[in-house]
Amino acid sequence: MILLRNAAGVVATIINSRHCAPGYDQRLEVFGADGVLNADNVRATTVQVAKKEFSASKEPYLNFFLERYTQAYTNELNTFLTAISKGETPTPGISDGIKALQIAEAAEESAKTGKSIKLS
């Protein structure tokens, strides 16, 4: 688990694992004072079953990353190519990648030392 707090005091919690018994459970939940944003797992269908014995049953998670993210990778590549063809700086850019790497390295250091790591 990673706990992040920005300069404005906004707190983010990241819970990550390389193993999840039912499959690749990858979702995003953002809770704020005015509401909730939820990006759920991609599944083969949107079919759900509910019976008196249980509340919901859904299709299994898609297993292979290309099954889950083909459209996302396609969109990302198209956005990159469009920016380059227009002479614009792609977004996200190299500085975003560096910041993500700094956060990952700080999380690793924190896990090893048990101490909070401050990034500027």
PDB file of N, CA and C in Angstrom:
ATOM      1  N   MET A   1       0.843  -1.169   0.000  1.00  0.00           N
ATOM      2  CA  MET A   1       0.000   0.000   0.000  1.00  0.00           C
ATOM      3  C   MET A   1       0.889   1.234   0.000  1.00  0.00           C
ATOM      4  N   ILE A   2       0.500   2.211  -0.786  1.00  0.00           N
ATOM      5  CA  ILE A   2       1.214   3.482  -0.858  1.00  0.00           C
ATOM      6  C   ILE A   2       0.239   4.590  -0.483  1.00  0.00           C
ATOM      7  N   LEU A   3       0.669   5.459   0.406  1.00  0.00           N
ATOM      8  CA  LEU A   3      -0.128   6.613   0.801  1.00  0.00           C
ATOM      9  C   LEU A   3       0.571   7.851   0.268  1.00  0.00           C
ATOM     10  N   LEU A   4      -0.119   8.604  -0.576  1.00  0.00           N
ATOM     11  CA  LEU A   4       0.438   9.816  -1.165  1.00  0.00           C
ATOM     12  C   LEU A   4      -0.352  11.023  -0.677  1.00  0.00           C
ATOM     13  N   ARG A   5       0.359  12.133  -0.419  1.00  0.00           N
ATOM     14  CA  ARG A   5      -0.315  13.375  -0.050  1.00  0.00           C
ATOM     15  C   ARG A   5       0.358  14.494  -0.837  1.00  0.00           C
ATOM     16  N   ASN A   6      -0.423  15.297  -1.549  1.00  0.00           N
ATOM     17  CA  ASN A   6       0.181  16.377  -2.330  1.00  0.00           C
ATOM     18  C   ASN A   6       0.263  17.656  -1.503  1.00  0.00           C
ATOM     19  N   ALA A   7       0.810  18.706  -2.097  1.00  0.00           N
ATOM     20  CA  ALA A   7       1.022  19.967  -1.379  1.00  0.00           C
ATOM     21  C   ALA A   7      -0.275  20.574  -0.875  1.00  0.00           C
ATOM     22  N   ALA A   8      -1.389  20.305  -1.551  1.00  0.00           N
ATOM     23  CA  ALA A   8      -2.688  20.838  -1.127  1.00  0.00           C
ATOM     24  C   ALA A   8      -3.337  19.976  -0.052  1.00  0.00           C
ATOM     25  N   GLY A   9      -2.679  18.879   0.324  1.00  0.00           N
ATOM     26  CA  GLY A   9      -3.215  18.011   1.368  1.00  0.00           C
ATOM     27  C   GLY A   9      -4.112  16.896   0.863  1.00  0.00           C
ATOM     28  N   VAL A  10      -4.269  16.784  -0.457  1.00  0.00           N
ATOM     29  CA  VAL A  10      -5.093  15.709  -1.022  1.00  0.00           C
ATOM     30  C   VAL A  10      -4.379  14.379  -0.816  1.00  0.00           C
ATOM     31  N   VAL A  11      -5.110  13.390  -0.312  1.00  0.00           N
ATOM     32  CA  VAL A  11      -4.533  12.081   0.000  1.00  0.00           C
ATOM     33  C   VAL A  11      -4.982  11.058  -1.037  1.00  0.00           C
ATOM     34  N   ALA A  12      -4.043  10.234  -1.489  1.00  0.00           N
ATOM     35  CA  ALA A  12      -4.346   9.129  -2.403  1.00  0.00           C
ATOM     36  C   ALA A  12      -3.752   7.856  -1.822  1.00  0.00           C
ATOM     37  N   THR A  13      -4.495   6.780  -1.899  1.00  0.00           N
ATOM     38  CA  THR A  13      -4.023   5.478  -1.451  1.00  0.00           C
ATOM     39  C   THR A  13      -3.965   4.554  -2.654  1.00  0.00           C
ATOM     40  N   ILE A  14      -2.829   3.902  -2.848  1.00  0.00           N
ATOM     41  CA  ILE A  14      -2.677   2.923  -3.923  1.00  0.00           C
ATOM     42  C   ILE A  14      -2.464   1.565  -3.274  1.00  0.00           C
ATOM     43  N   ILE A  15      -3.329   0.625  -3.608  1.00  0.00           N
ATOM     44  CA  ILE A  15      -3.193  -0.744  -3.111  1.00  0.00           C
ATOM     45  C   ILE A  15      -2.910  -1.612  -4.323  1.00  0.00           C
ATOM     46  N   ASN A  16      -1.804  -2.324  -4.280  1.00  0.00           N
ATOM     47  CA  ASN A  16      -1.366  -3.075  -5.442  1.00  0.00           C
ATOM     48  C   ASN A  16      -0.881  -4.448  -5.023  1.00  0.00           C
ATOM     49  N   SER A  17      -1.085  -5.417  -5.888  1.00  0.00           N
ATOM     50  CA  SER A  17      -0.616  -6.773  -5.625  1.00  0.00           C
ATOM     51  C   SER A  17      -0.352  -7.457  -6.953  1.00  0.00           C
ATOM     52  N   ARG A  18       0.583  -8.370  -6.975  1.00  0.00           N
ATOM     53  CA  ARG A  18       0.849  -9.140  -8.184  1.00  0.00           C
ATOM     54  C   ARG A  18      -0.018 -10.391  -8.249  1.00  0.00           C
ATOM     55  N   HIS A  19      -0.849 -10.625  -7.233  1.00  0.00           N
ATOM     56  CA  HIS A  19      -1.707 -11.808  -7.226  1.00  0.00           C
ATOM     57  C   HIS A  19      -3.095 -11.437  -6.716  1.00  0.00           C
ATOM     58  N   CYS A  20      -4.096 -11.884  -7.429  1.00  0.00           N
ATOM     59  CA  CYS A  20      -5.484 -11.718  -7.013  1.00  0.00           C
ATOM     60  C   CYS A  20      -6.205 -12.999  -7.405  1.00  0.00           C
ATOM     61  N   ALA A  21      -6.729 -13.709  -6.438  1.00  0.00           N
ATOM     62  CA  ALA A  21      -7.310 -15.036  -6.679  1.00  0.00           C
ATOM     63  C   ALA A  21      -8.315 -15.083  -7.829  1.00  0.00           C
ATOM     64  N   PRO A  22      -9.243 -14.115  -7.945  1.00  0.00           N
ATOM     65  CA  PRO A  22     -10.207 -14.226  -9.045  1.00  0.00           C
ATOM     66  C   PRO A  22      -9.670 -13.779 -10.402  1.00  0.00           C
ATOM     67  N   GLY A  23      -8.450 -13.284 -10.467  1.00  0.00           N
ATOM     68  CA  GLY A  23      -7.889 -12.836 -11.742  1.00  0.00           C
ATOM     69  C   GLY A  23      -7.338 -11.428 -11.637  1.00  0.00           C
ATOM     70  N   TYR A  24      -7.202 -10.784 -12.763  1.00  0.00           N
ATOM     71  CA  TYR A  24      -6.611  -9.454 -12.814  1.00  0.00           C
ATOM     72  C   TYR A  24      -7.634  -8.392 -12.451  1.00  0.00           C
ATOM     73  N   ASP A  25      -7.764  -8.126 -11.172  1.00  0.00           N
ATOM     74  CA  ASP A  25      -8.697  -7.119 -10.673  1.00  0.00           C
ATOM     75  C   ASP A  25      -7.995  -5.768 -10.736  1.00  0.00           C
ATOM     76  N   GLN A  26      -8.320  -4.971 -11.740  1.00  0.00           N
ATOM     77  CA  GLN A  26      -7.680  -3.678 -11.927  1.00  0.00           C
ATOM     78  C   GLN A  26      -8.758  -2.623 -12.066  1.00  0.00           C
ATOM     79  N   ARG A  27      -8.888  -1.818 -11.033  1.00  0.00           N
ATOM     80  CA  ARG A  27      -9.920  -0.790 -11.059  1.00  0.00           C
ATOM     81  C   ARG A  27      -9.425   0.456 -10.360  1.00  0.00           C
ATOM     82  N   LEU A  28     -10.139   1.529 -10.589  1.00  0.00           N
ATOM     83  CA  LEU A  28      -9.795   2.816 -10.014  1.00  0.00           C
ATOM     84  C   LEU A  28     -11.028   3.368  -9.332  1.00  0.00           C
ATOM     85  N   GLU A  29     -10.861   3.784  -8.094  1.00  0.00           N
ATOM     86  CA  GLU A  29     -11.952   4.414  -7.351  1.00  0.00           C
ATOM     87  C   GLU A  29     -11.430   5.713  -6.758  1.00  0.00           C
ATOM     88  N   VAL A  30     -12.133   6.799  -7.026  1.00  0.00           N
ATOM     89  CA  VAL A  30     -11.760   8.104  -6.489  1.00  0.00           C
ATOM     90  C   VAL A  30     -12.950   8.624  -5.696  1.00  0.00           C
ATOM     91  N   PHE A  31     -12.717   8.900  -4.417  1.00  0.00           N
ATOM     92  CA  PHE A  31     -13.762   9.405  -3.536  1.00  0.00           C
ATOM     93  C   PHE A  31     -13.458  10.860  -3.207  1.00  0.00           C
ATOM     94  N   GLY A  32     -14.440  11.726  -3.396  1.00  0.00           N
ATOM     95  CA  GLY A  32     -14.266  13.133  -3.085  1.00  0.00           C
ATOM     96  C   GLY A  32     -15.454  13.663  -2.313  1.00  0.00           C
ATOM     97  N   ALA A  33     -15.369  14.919  -1.924  1.00  0.00           N
ATOM     98  CA  ALA A  33     -16.437  15.542  -1.143  1.00  0.00           C
ATOM     99  C   ALA A  33     -17.745  15.613  -1.923  1.00  0.00           C
ATOM    100  N   ASP A  34     -17.652  15.669  -3.251  1.00  0.00           N
ATOM    101  CA  ASP A  34     -18.853  15.836  -4.070  1.00  0.00           C
ATOM    102  C   ASP A  34     -19.301  14.581  -4.807  1.00  0.00           C
ATOM    103  N   GLY A  35     -18.554  13.485  -4.661  1.00  0.00           N
ATOM    104  CA  GLY A  35     -18.977  12.278  -5.370  1.00  0.00           C
ATOM    105  C   GLY A  35     -17.878  11.247  -5.494  1.00  0.00           C
ATOM    106  N   VAL A  36     -18.135  10.261  -6.343  1.00  0.00           N
ATOM    107  CA  VAL A  36     -17.233   9.130  -6.533  1.00  0.00           C
ATOM    108  C   VAL A  36     -17.038   8.896  -8.026  1.00  0.00           C
ATOM    109  N   LEU A  37     -15.808   8.580  -8.414  1.00  0.00           N
ATOM    110  CA  LEU A  37     -15.485   8.173  -9.776  1.00  0.00           C
ATOM    111  C   LEU A  37     -15.017   6.729  -9.707  1.00  0.00           C
ATOM    112  N   ASN A  38     -15.563   5.879 -10.564  1.00  0.00           N
ATOM    113  CA  ASN A  38     -15.202   4.467 -10.551  1.00  0.00           C
ATOM    114  C   ASN A  38     -14.946   4.005 -11.977  1.00  0.00           C
ATOM    115  N   ALA A  39     -13.744   3.511 -12.245  1.00  0.00           N
ATOM    116  CA  ALA A  39     -13.416   2.878 -13.526  1.00  0.00           C
ATOM    117  C   ALA A  39     -13.205   1.406 -13.215  1.00  0.00           C
ATOM    118  N   ASP A  40     -14.148   0.575 -13.632  1.00  0.00           N
ATOM    119  CA  ASP A  40     -14.139  -0.839 -13.254  1.00  0.00           C
ATOM    120  C   ASP A  40     -13.342  -1.671 -14.250  1.00  0.00           C
ATOM    121  N   ASN A  41     -13.193  -2.940 -13.916  1.00  0.00           N
ATOM    122  CA  ASN A  41     -12.492  -3.893 -14.765  1.00  0.00           C
ATOM    123  C   ASN A  41     -13.190  -4.052 -16.109  1.00  0.00           C
ATOM    124  N   VAL A  42     -12.404  -4.290 -17.139  1.00  0.00           N
ATOM    125  CA  VAL A  42     -12.947  -4.601 -18.460  1.00  0.00           C
ATOM    126  C   VAL A  42     -13.251  -6.093 -18.485  1.00  0.00           C
ATOM    127  N   ARG A  43     -14.437  -6.434 -18.946  1.00  0.00           N
ATOM    128  CA  ARG A  43     -14.845  -7.835 -19.026  1.00  0.00           C
ATOM    129  C   ARG A  43     -15.327  -8.130 -20.444  1.00  0.00           C
ATOM    130  N   ALA A  44     -15.483  -9.406 -20.739  1.00  0.00           N
ATOM    131  CA  ALA A  44     -15.930  -9.810 -22.072  1.00  0.00           C
ATOM    132  C   ALA A  44     -17.333  -9.287 -22.373  1.00  0.00           C
ATOM    133  N   THR A  45     -18.198  -9.235 -21.361  1.00  0.00           N
ATOM    134  CA  THR A  45     -19.554  -8.713 -21.522  1.00  0.00           C
ATOM    135  C   THR A  45     -19.909  -7.877 -20.302  1.00  0.00           C
ATOM    136  N   THR A  46     -21.052  -7.230 -20.355  1.00  0.00           N
ATOM    137  CA  THR A  46     -21.524  -6.465 -19.201  1.00  0.00           C
ATOM    138  C   THR A  46     -22.638  -7.204 -18.471  1.00  0.00           C
ATOM    139  N   VAL A  47     -22.799  -8.490 -18.765  1.00  0.00           N
ATOM    140  CA  VAL A  47     -23.862  -9.289 -18.152  1.00  0.00           C
ATOM    141  C   VAL A  47     -23.577  -9.509 -16.670  1.00  0.00           C
ATOM    142  N   GLN A  48     -24.599  -9.314 -15.849  1.00  0.00           N
ATOM    143  CA  GLN A  48     -24.529  -9.603 -14.420  1.00  0.00           C
ATOM    144  C   GLN A  48     -25.742 -10.440 -14.043  1.00  0.00           C
ATOM    145  N   VAL A  49     -25.554 -11.340 -13.091  1.00  0.00           N
ATOM    146  CA  VAL A  49     -26.639 -12.203 -12.628  1.00  0.00           C
ATOM    147  C   VAL A  49     -26.848 -11.947 -11.143  1.00  0.00           C
ATOM    148  N   ALA A  50     -28.097 -11.838 -10.721  1.00  0.00           N
ATOM    149  CA  ALA A  50     -28.427 -11.711  -9.301  1.00  0.00           C
ATOM    150  C   ALA A  50     -29.554 -12.690  -8.991  1.00  0.00           C
ATOM    151  N   LYS A  51     -29.399 -13.416  -7.894  1.00  0.00           N
ATOM    152  CA  LYS A  51     -30.418 -14.366  -7.442  1.00  0.00           C
ATOM    153  C   LYS A  51     -30.626 -14.167  -5.951  1.00  0.00           C
ATOM    154  N   LYS A  52     -31.578 -14.876  -5.398  1.00  0.00           N
ATOM    155  CA  LYS A  52     -31.798 -14.730  -3.959  1.00  0.00           C
ATOM    156  C   LYS A  52     -30.622 -15.275  -3.154  1.00  0.00           C
ATOM    157  N   GLU A  53     -29.828 -16.182  -3.744  1.00  0.00           N
ATOM    158  CA  GLU A  53     -28.688 -16.765  -3.034  1.00  0.00           C
ATOM    159  C   GLU A  53     -27.452 -15.859  -3.032  1.00  0.00           C
ATOM    160  N   PHE A  54     -27.355 -14.959  -4.003  1.00  0.00           N
ATOM    161  CA  PHE A  54     -26.203 -14.070  -4.079  1.00  0.00           C
ATOM    162  C   PHE A  54     -26.605 -12.786  -4.790  1.00  0.00           C
ATOM    163  N   SER A  55     -25.811 -11.747  -4.582  1.00  0.00           N
ATOM    164  CA  SER A  55     -26.199 -10.437  -5.097  1.00  0.00           C
ATOM    165  C   SER A  55     -25.741 -10.174  -6.525  1.00  0.00           C
ATOM    166  N   ALA A  56     -24.599 -10.702  -6.925  1.00  0.00           N
ATOM    167  CA  ALA A  56     -24.134 -10.426  -8.286  1.00  0.00           C
ATOM    168  C   ALA A  56     -23.123 -11.466  -8.730  1.00  0.00           C
ATOM    169  N   SER A  57     -23.181 -11.805  -9.979  1.00  0.00           N
ATOM    170  CA  SER A  57     -22.202 -12.683 -10.602  1.00  0.00           C
ATOM    171  C   SER A  57     -21.855 -12.067 -11.943  1.00  0.00           C
ATOM    172  N   LYS A  58     -20.580 -11.878 -12.190  1.00  0.00           N
ATOM    173  CA  LYS A  58     -20.147 -11.233 -13.424  1.00  0.00           C
ATOM    174  C   LYS A  58     -19.226 -12.169 -14.197  1.00  0.00           C
ATOM    175  N   GLU A  59     -19.006 -11.834 -15.452  1.00  0.00           N
ATOM    176  CA  GLU A  59     -18.052 -12.565 -16.275  1.00  0.00           C
ATOM    177  C   GLU A  59     -16.671 -12.495 -15.615  1.00  0.00           C
ATOM    178  N   PRO A  60     -15.824 -13.496 -15.832  1.00  0.00           N
ATOM    179  CA  PRO A  60     -14.461 -13.430 -15.286  1.00  0.00           C
ATOM    180  C   PRO A  60     -13.697 -12.243 -15.878  1.00  0.00           C
ATOM    181  N   TYR A  61     -12.678 -11.812 -15.154  1.00  0.00           N
ATOM    182  CA  TYR A  61     -11.813 -10.758 -15.666  1.00  0.00           C
ATOM    183  C   TYR A  61     -11.103 -11.266 -16.911  1.00  0.00           C
ATOM    184  N   LEU A  62     -10.840 -10.365 -17.846  1.00  0.00           N
ATOM    185  CA  LEU A  62     -10.037 -10.737 -18.996  1.00  0.00           C
ATOM    186  C   LEU A  62      -8.622 -11.023 -18.511  1.00  0.00           C
ATOM    187  N   ASN A  63      -7.999 -12.072 -19.020  1.00  0.00           N
ATOM    188  CA  ASN A  63      -6.732 -12.539 -18.465  1.00  0.00           C
ATOM    189  C   ASN A  63      -5.517 -11.832 -19.045  1.00  0.00           C
ATOM    190  N   PHE A  64      -5.369 -11.832 -20.341  1.00  0.00           N
ATOM    191  CA  PHE A  64      -4.158 -11.339 -20.982  1.00  0.00           C
ATOM    192  C   PHE A  64      -4.216  -9.823 -21.128  1.00  0.00           C
ATOM    193  N   PHE A  65      -3.100  -9.134 -20.899  1.00  0.00           N
ATOM    194  CA  PHE A  65      -3.125  -7.671 -20.902  1.00  0.00           C
ATOM    195  C   PHE A  65      -3.574  -7.086 -22.239  1.00  0.00           C
ATOM    196  N   LEU A  66      -3.291  -7.763 -23.347  1.00  0.00           N
ATOM    197  CA  LEU A  66      -3.749  -7.237 -24.635  1.00  0.00           C
ATOM    198  C   LEU A  66      -5.261  -7.336 -24.779  1.00  0.00           C
ATOM    199  N   GLU A  67      -5.865  -8.315 -24.127  1.00  0.00           N
ATOM    200  CA  GLU A  67      -7.329  -8.393 -24.114  1.00  0.00           C
ATOM    201  C   GLU A  67      -7.910  -7.201 -23.360  1.00  0.00           C
ATOM    202  N   ARG A  68      -7.249  -6.842 -22.264  1.00  0.00           N
ATOM    203  CA  ARG A  68      -7.761  -5.776 -21.416  1.00  0.00           C
ATOM    204  C   ARG A  68      -7.479  -4.383 -21.967  1.00  0.00           C
ATOM    205  N   TYR A  69      -6.353  -4.215 -22.641  1.00  0.00           N
ATOM    206  CA  TYR A  69      -5.897  -2.864 -22.952  1.00  0.00           C
ATOM    207  C   TYR A  69      -5.662  -2.566 -24.423  1.00  0.00           C
ATOM    208  N   THR A  70      -6.127  -3.399 -25.333  1.00  0.00           N
ATOM    209  CA  THR A  70      -5.908  -3.144 -26.759  1.00  0.00           C
ATOM    210  C   THR A  70      -6.381  -1.748 -27.149  1.00  0.00           C
ATOM    211  N   GLN A  71      -7.600  -1.382 -26.778  1.00  0.00           N
ATOM    212  CA  GLN A  71      -8.136  -0.075 -27.153  1.00  0.00           C
ATOM    213  C   GLN A  71      -7.363   1.054 -26.483  1.00  0.00           C
ATOM    214  N   ALA A  72      -6.964   0.869 -25.240  1.00  0.00           N
ATOM    215  CA  ALA A  72      -6.202   1.907 -24.537  1.00  0.00           C
ATOM    216  C   ALA A  72      -4.851   2.138 -25.212  1.00  0.00           C
ATOM    217  N   TYR A  73      -4.154   1.052 -25.577  1.00  0.00           N
ATOM    218  CA  TYR A  73      -2.867   1.192 -26.268  1.00  0.00           C
ATOM    219  C   TYR A  73      -3.046   1.848 -27.635  1.00  0.00           C
ATOM    220  N   THR A  74      -4.100   1.478 -28.336  1.00  0.00           N
ATOM    221  CA  THR A  74      -4.391   2.076 -29.642  1.00  0.00           C
ATOM    222  C   THR A  74      -4.647   3.574 -29.495  1.00  0.00           C
ATOM    223  N   ASN A  75      -5.460   3.956 -28.517  1.00  0.00           N
ATOM    224  CA  ASN A  75      -5.748   5.380 -28.267  1.00  0.00           C
ATOM    225  C   ASN A  75      -4.479   6.143 -27.909  1.00  0.00           C
ATOM    226  N   GLU A  76      -3.657   5.546 -27.052  1.00  0.00           N
ATOM    227  CA  GLU A  76      -2.424   6.191 -26.619  1.00  0.00           C
ATOM    228  C   GLU A  76      -1.485   6.414 -27.807  1.00  0.00           C
ATOM    229  N   LEU A  77      -1.332   5.402 -28.644  1.00  0.00           N
ATOM    230  CA  LEU A  77      -0.462   5.522 -29.811  1.00  0.00           C
ATOM    231  C   LEU A  77      -1.000   6.561 -30.793  1.00  0.00           C
ATOM    232  N   ASN A  78      -2.305   6.559 -31.033  1.00  0.00           N
ATOM    233  CA  ASN A  78      -2.906   7.542 -31.942  1.00  0.00           C
ATOM    234  C   ASN A  78      -2.732   8.966 -31.428  1.00  0.00           C
ATOM    235  N   THR A  79      -2.908   9.160 -30.130  1.00  0.00           N
ATOM    236  CA  THR A  79      -2.721  10.488 -29.535  1.00  0.00           C
ATOM    237  C   THR A  79      -1.276  10.942 -29.684  1.00  0.00           C
ATOM    238  N   PHE A  80      -0.338  10.034 -29.441  1.00  0.00           N
ATOM    239  CA  PHE A  80       1.088  10.339 -29.585  1.00  0.00           C
ATOM    240  C   PHE A  80       1.410  10.727 -31.030  1.00  0.00           C
ATOM    241  N   LEU A  81       0.963   9.910 -31.984  1.00  0.00           N
ATOM    242  CA  LEU A  81       1.257  10.172 -33.395  1.00  0.00           C
ATOM    243  C   LEU A  81       0.616  11.472 -33.875  1.00  0.00           C
ATOM    244  N   THR A  82      -0.584  11.770 -33.401  1.00  0.00           N
ATOM    245  CA  THR A  82      -1.253  13.020 -33.772  1.00  0.00           C
ATOM    246  C   THR A  82      -0.464  14.220 -33.256  1.00  0.00           C
ATOM    247  N   ALA A  83      -0.015  14.152 -32.001  1.00  0.00           N
ATOM    248  CA  ALA A  83       0.765  15.254 -31.429  1.00  0.00           C
ATOM    249  C   ALA A  83       2.059  15.461 -32.215  1.00  0.00           C
ATOM    250  N   ILE A  84       2.756  14.381 -32.524  1.00  0.00           N
ATOM    251  CA  ILE A  84       4.015  14.488 -33.267  1.00  0.00           C
ATOM    252  C   ILE A  84       3.770  15.077 -34.658  1.00  0.00           C
ATOM    253  N   SER A  85       2.719  14.608 -35.327  1.00  0.00           N
ATOM    254  CA  SER A  85       2.434  15.095 -36.688  1.00  0.00           C
ATOM    255  C   SER A  85       2.054  16.573 -36.702  1.00  0.00           C
ATOM    256  N   LYS A  86       1.528  17.077 -35.584  1.00  0.00           N
ATOM    257  CA  LYS A  86       1.152  18.493 -35.489  1.00  0.00           C
ATOM    258  C   LYS A  86       2.266  19.350 -34.892  1.00  0.00           C
ATOM    259  N   GLY A  87       3.403  18.708 -34.556  1.00  0.00           N
ATOM    260  CA  GLY A  87       4.507  19.446 -33.953  1.00  0.00           C
ATOM    261  C   GLY A  87       4.258  19.814 -32.503  1.00  0.00           C
ATOM    262  N   GLU A  88       3.331  19.121 -31.854  1.00  0.00           N
ATOM    263  CA  GLU A  88       3.002  19.388 -30.451  1.00  0.00           C
ATOM    264  C   GLU A  88       3.765  18.428 -29.535  1.00  0.00           C
ATOM    265  N   THR A  89       3.871  18.798 -28.283  1.00  0.00           N
ATOM    266  CA  THR A  89       4.489  17.922 -27.290  1.00  0.00           C
ATOM    267  C   THR A  89       3.469  16.880 -26.856  1.00  0.00           C
ATOM    268  N   PRO A  90       3.820  15.599 -26.955  1.00  0.00           N
ATOM    269  CA  PRO A  90       2.877  14.545 -26.542  1.00  0.00           C
ATOM    270  C   PRO A  90       2.553  14.638 -25.052  1.00  0.00           C
ATOM    271  N   THR A  91       1.334  14.239 -24.713  1.00  0.00           N
ATOM    272  CA  THR A  91       0.898  14.201 -23.323  1.00  0.00           C
ATOM    273  C   THR A  91       0.384  12.812 -23.013  1.00  0.00           C
ATOM    274  N   PRO A  92       0.819  12.142 -21.970  1.00  0.00           N
ATOM    275  CA  PRO A  92       1.832  12.609 -21.034  1.00  0.00           C
ATOM    276  C   PRO A  92       3.200  12.669 -21.693  1.00  0.00           C
ATOM    277  N   GLY A  93       4.071  13.475 -21.103  1.00  0.00           N
ATOM    278  CA  GLY A  93       5.406  13.662 -21.653  1.00  0.00           C
ATOM    279  C   GLY A  93       6.471  13.015 -20.788  1.00  0.00           C
ATOM    280  N   ILE A  94       7.712  13.279 -21.138  1.00  0.00           N
ATOM    281  CA  ILE A  94       8.845  12.677 -20.431  1.00  0.00           C
ATOM    282  C   ILE A  94       8.861  13.083 -18.959  1.00  0.00           C
ATOM    283  N   SER A  95       8.484  14.334 -18.660  1.00  0.00           N
ATOM    284  CA  SER A  95       8.496  14.776 -17.256  1.00  0.00           C
ATOM    285  C   SER A  95       7.474  13.994 -16.427  1.00  0.00           C
ATOM    286  N   ASP A  96       6.345  13.618 -17.053  1.00  0.00           N
ATOM    287  CA  ASP A  96       5.355  12.796 -16.345  1.00  0.00           C
ATOM    288  C   ASP A  96       5.925  11.413 -16.041  1.00  0.00           C
ATOM    289  N   GLY A  97       6.655  10.849 -16.993  1.00  0.00           N
ATOM    290  CA  GLY A  97       7.290   9.549 -16.778  1.00  0.00           C
ATOM    291  C   GLY A  97       8.331   9.608 -15.677  1.00  0.00           C
ATOM    292  N   ILE A  98       9.100  10.694 -15.652  1.00  0.00           N
ATOM    293  CA  ILE A  98      10.119  10.865 -14.606  1.00  0.00           C
ATOM    294  C   ILE A  98       9.457  10.968 -13.235  1.00  0.00           C
ATOM    295  N   LYS A  99       8.372  11.733 -13.144  1.00  0.00           N
ATOM    296  CA  LYS A  99       7.652  11.861 -11.868  1.00  0.00           C
ATOM    297  C   LYS A  99       7.105  10.513 -11.405  1.00  0.00           C
ATOM    298  N   ALA A 100       6.552   9.737 -12.330  1.00  0.00           N
ATOM    299  CA  ALA A 100       6.031   8.411 -11.973  1.00  0.00           C
ATOM    300  C   ALA A 100       7.153   7.512 -11.463  1.00  0.00           C
ATOM    301  N   LEU A 101       8.319   7.578 -12.113  1.00  0.00           N
ATOM    302  CA  LEU A 101       9.469   6.785 -11.670  1.00  0.00           C
ATOM    303  C   LEU A 101       9.935   7.236 -10.288  1.00  0.00           C
ATOM    304  N   GLN A 102       9.956   8.540 -10.038  1.00  0.00           N
ATOM    305  CA  GLN A 102      10.352   9.049  -8.722  1.00  0.00           C
ATOM    306  C   GLN A 102       9.405   8.552  -7.631  1.00  0.00           C
ATOM    307  N   ILE A 103       8.115   8.536  -7.919  1.00  0.00           N
ATOM    308  CA  ILE A 103       7.138   8.030  -6.946  1.00  0.00           C
ATOM    309  C   ILE A 103       7.374   6.550  -6.688  1.00  0.00           C
ATOM    310  N   ALA A 104       7.605   5.775  -7.750  1.00  0.00           N
ATOM    311  CA  ALA A 104       7.854   4.336  -7.591  1.00  0.00           C
ATOM    312  C   ALA A 104       9.119   4.083  -6.781  1.00  0.00           C
ATOM    313  N   GLU A 105      10.176   4.836  -7.059  1.00  0.00           N
ATOM    314  CA  GLU A 105      11.426   4.673  -6.315  1.00  0.00           C
ATOM    315  C   GLU A 105      11.255   5.082  -4.854  1.00  0.00           C
ATOM    316  N   ALA A 106      10.494   6.140  -4.592  1.00  0.00           N
ATOM    317  CA  ALA A 106      10.234   6.564  -3.214  1.00  0.00           C
ATOM    318  C   ALA A 106       9.424   5.509  -2.476  1.00  0.00           C
ATOM    319  N   ALA A 107       8.463   4.904  -3.152  1.00  0.00           N
ATOM    320  CA  ALA A 107       7.663   3.841  -2.536  1.00  0.00           C
ATOM    321  C   ALA A 107       8.545   2.658  -2.173  1.00  0.00           C
ATOM    322  N   GLU A 108       9.466   2.300  -3.070  1.00  0.00           N
ATOM    323  CA  GLU A 108      10.381   1.186  -2.788  1.00  0.00           C
ATOM    324  C   GLU A 108      11.285   1.515  -1.600  1.00  0.00           C
ATOM    325  N   GLU A 109      11.821   2.727  -1.581  1.00  0.00           N
ATOM    326  CA  GLU A 109      12.676   3.143  -0.464  1.00  0.00           C
ATOM    327  C   GLU A 109      11.898   3.138   0.851  1.00  0.00           C
ATOM    328  N   SER A 110      10.672   3.630   0.829  1.00  0.00           N
ATOM    329  CA  SER A 110       9.829   3.645   2.022  1.00  0.00           C
ATOM    330  C   SER A 110       9.553   2.233   2.517  1.00  0.00           C
ATOM    331  N   ALA A 111       9.304   1.314   1.589  1.00  0.00           N
ATOM    332  CA  ALA A 111       9.047  -0.079   1.972  1.00  0.00           C
ATOM    333  C   ALA A 111      10.278  -0.698   2.626  1.00  0.00           C
ATOM    334  N   LYS A 112      11.461  -0.345   2.129  1.00  0.00           N
ATOM    335  CA  LYS A 112      12.706  -0.899   2.677  1.00  0.00           C
ATOM    336  C   LYS A 112      13.050  -0.301   4.033  1.00  0.00           C
ATOM    337  N   THR A 113      12.815   1.011   4.199  1.00  0.00           N
ATOM    338  CA  THR A 113      13.241   1.701   5.420  1.00  0.00           C
ATOM    339  C   THR A 113      12.133   1.862   6.454  1.00  0.00           C
ATOM    340  N   GLY A 114      10.878   1.747   6.010  1.00  0.00           N
ATOM    341  CA  GLY A 114       9.754   1.965   6.919  1.00  0.00           C
ATOM    342  C   GLY A 114       9.515   3.436   7.217  1.00  0.00           C
ATOM    343  N   LYS A 115      10.134   4.320   6.431  1.00  0.00           N
ATOM    344  CA  LYS A 115      10.005   5.755   6.663  1.00  0.00           C
ATOM    345  C   LYS A 115       9.271   6.426   5.508  1.00  0.00           C
ATOM    346  N   SER A 116       8.642   7.562   5.812  1.00  0.00           N
ATOM    347  CA  SER A 116       8.008   8.372   4.775  1.00  0.00           C
ATOM    348  C   SER A 116       9.088   9.034   3.932  1.00  0.00           C
ATOM    349  N   ILE A 117       8.829   9.170   2.660  1.00  0.00           N
ATOM    350  CA  ILE A 117       9.769   9.811   1.745  1.00  0.00           C
ATOM    351  C   ILE A 117       9.087  11.042   1.165  1.00  0.00           C
ATOM    352  N   LYS A 118       9.738  12.190   1.300  1.00  0.00           N
ATOM    353  CA  LYS A 118       9.167  13.428   0.774  1.00  0.00           C
ATOM    354  C   LYS A 118       9.763  13.712  -0.594  1.00  0.00           C
ATOM    355  N   LEU A 119       8.889  13.985  -1.551  1.00  0.00           N
ATOM    356  CA  LEU A 119       9.314  14.376  -2.890  1.00  0.00           C
ATOM    357  C   LEU A 119       8.961  15.837  -3.107  1.00  0.00           C
ATOM    358  N   SER A 120       9.795  16.532  -3.871  1.00  0.00           N
ATOM    359  CA  SER A 120       9.498  17.947  -4.140  1.00  0.00           C
ATOM    360  C   SER A 120       8.837  18.104  -5.476  1.00  0.00           C
TER     361      SER A 120
END
